[in-house]
Amino acid sequence: MSIVMNLYYTGQNGNARKFAKEMEESGVASLIRAEDGNERYEYFFPADDAETVLLIDAWRDQEALDSHHHSPLMRRIAELRDKYDLHMRAERYIPEENPDLEFIRK
């Protein structure tokens, strides 16, 4: 059972995008992607909000997510959030079978 987290980072003066860029360029994002149980870790930029970044973060199960939350990488993420003065909003999903697949063009 996967757990998907949508994390919205919001700041000012482009800081949310600077945060995402530093996460990628510093290698922190790659290290998170390599953690046991990580299934997805991708940043997206809303077309109508230059001050927000969406992170879609998926984990195999709660145990993997808990392990990530207690890892040294979380301290680094917190440091960068503070550096860029970001605020967050989180949504949590547990995916199920998608009954709408017939409407999805592949």
Protein backbone atom coordinates (compact mmCIF):
# COMPACT_ATOMS: atom_id res chain seq x y z
CA MET A 1 0.00 0.00 0.00
CA SER A 2 1.70 3.18 -1.18
CA ILE A 3 1.36 6.52 0.58
CA VAL A 4 1.47 9.64 -1.58
CA MET A 5 2.19 13.03 -0.08
CA ASN A 6 1.55 16.26 -1.95
CA LEU A 7 3.65 18.90 -0.23
CA TYR A 8 3.16 22.54 -1.21
CA TYR A 9 6.12 24.79 -0.37
CA THR A 10 5.30 28.51 -0.50
CA GLY A 11 7.61 31.47 -0.05
CA GLN A 12 8.39 34.88 -1.45
CA ASN A 13 10.73 36.24 -4.11
CA GLY A 14 11.06 32.88 -5.86
CA ASN A 15 12.35 31.13 -2.74
CA ALA A 16 10.26 27.99 -3.21
CA ARG A 17 11.82 27.41 -6.62
CA LYS A 18 15.28 28.21 -5.24
CA PHE A 19 14.67 25.59 -2.54
CA ALA A 20 13.71 22.93 -5.13
CA LYS A 21 16.73 23.84 -7.24
CA GLU A 22 19.08 23.51 -4.26
CA MET A 23 17.48 20.20 -3.26
CA GLU A 24 18.23 18.86 -6.75
CA GLU A 25 21.65 20.42 -7.30
CA SER A 26 22.97 19.53 -3.82
CA GLY A 27 22.05 15.87 -4.32
CA VAL A 28 19.63 15.76 -1.38
CA ALA A 29 16.70 14.88 -3.66
CA SER A 30 18.72 12.06 -5.25
CA LEU A 31 19.59 10.67 -1.82
CA ILE A 32 15.91 10.68 -0.87
CA ARG A 33 15.01 8.89 -4.11
CA ALA A 34 17.56 6.22 -3.17
CA GLU A 35 16.09 5.63 0.30
CA ASP A 36 14.52 2.25 0.88
CA GLY A 37 10.80 2.52 0.20
CA ASN A 38 10.81 5.74 -1.82
CA GLU A 39 8.71 5.36 -4.96
CA ARG A 40 8.56 8.95 -6.21
CA TYR A 41 10.10 12.31 -5.39
CA GLU A 42 9.36 15.00 -7.99
CA TYR A 43 8.93 18.76 -7.96
CA PHE A 44 6.33 20.60 -10.04
CA PHE A 45 5.62 24.29 -10.55
CA PRO A 46 2.01 25.57 -10.70
CA ALA A 47 1.40 27.64 -13.83
CA ASP A 48 -0.62 30.23 -11.90
CA ASP A 49 1.55 30.60 -8.76
CA ALA A 50 5.23 31.48 -9.10
CA GLU A 51 5.71 31.38 -5.33
CA THR A 52 4.67 27.75 -4.78
CA VAL A 53 6.33 24.43 -5.56
CA LEU A 54 4.51 21.10 -5.39
CA LEU A 55 6.46 18.04 -4.29
CA ILE A 56 4.87 14.67 -5.02
CA ASP A 57 6.49 12.24 -2.62
CA ALA A 58 5.44 8.55 -2.55
CA TRP A 59 6.49 5.81 -0.15
CA ARG A 60 5.97 2.05 -0.09
CA ASP A 61 4.32 2.11 3.36
CA GLN A 62 4.14 3.98 6.65
CA GLU A 63 7.29 2.28 7.94
CA ALA A 64 9.33 3.61 5.00
CA LEU A 65 7.87 7.10 5.46
CA ASP A 66 8.61 7.03 9.20
CA SER A 67 12.18 5.94 8.50
CA HIS A 68 12.59 8.87 6.10
CA HIS A 69 11.17 11.27 8.70
CA HIS A 70 13.82 10.11 11.20
CA SER A 71 16.71 10.21 8.73
CA PRO A 72 19.50 12.81 8.70
CA LEU A 73 18.11 13.99 5.37
CA MET A 74 15.07 15.43 7.14
CA ARG A 75 17.36 17.72 9.14
CA ARG A 76 18.90 18.95 5.87
CA ILE A 77 15.44 19.54 4.38
CA ALA A 78 14.41 21.50 7.49
CA GLU A 79 17.56 23.61 7.25
CA LEU A 80 16.79 24.47 3.63
CA ARG A 81 13.14 25.26 4.42
CA ASP A 82 14.37 27.67 7.09
CA LYS A 83 17.01 29.14 4.77
CA TYR A 84 14.31 29.99 2.21
CA ASP A 85 11.65 30.86 4.84
CA LEU A 86 9.12 28.44 3.36
CA HIS A 87 5.71 27.49 4.68
CA MET A 88 4.06 24.18 3.89
CA ARG A 89 0.73 22.55 3.29
CA ALA A 90 0.41 18.76 3.04
CA GLU A 91 -2.12 16.37 1.54
CA ARG A 92 -1.93 12.62 2.12
CA TYR A 93 -3.36 10.01 -0.22
CA ILE A 94 -3.49 6.24 -0.28
CA PRO A 95 -4.03 5.28 -3.93
CA GLU A 96 -6.57 2.66 -4.85
CA GLU A 97 -7.58 1.05 -8.09
CA ASN A 98 -8.44 3.75 -10.63
CA PRO A 99 -11.94 3.28 -12.05
CA ASP A 100 -11.33 6.10 -14.55
CA LEU A 101 -8.66 4.36 -16.62
CA GLU A 102 -10.97 4.08 -19.61
CA PHE A 103 -10.88 7.89 -19.85
CA ILE A 104 -7.07 8.15 -19.73
CA ARG A 105 -5.28 8.50 -23.06
CA LYS A 106 -1.86 6.83 -22.98
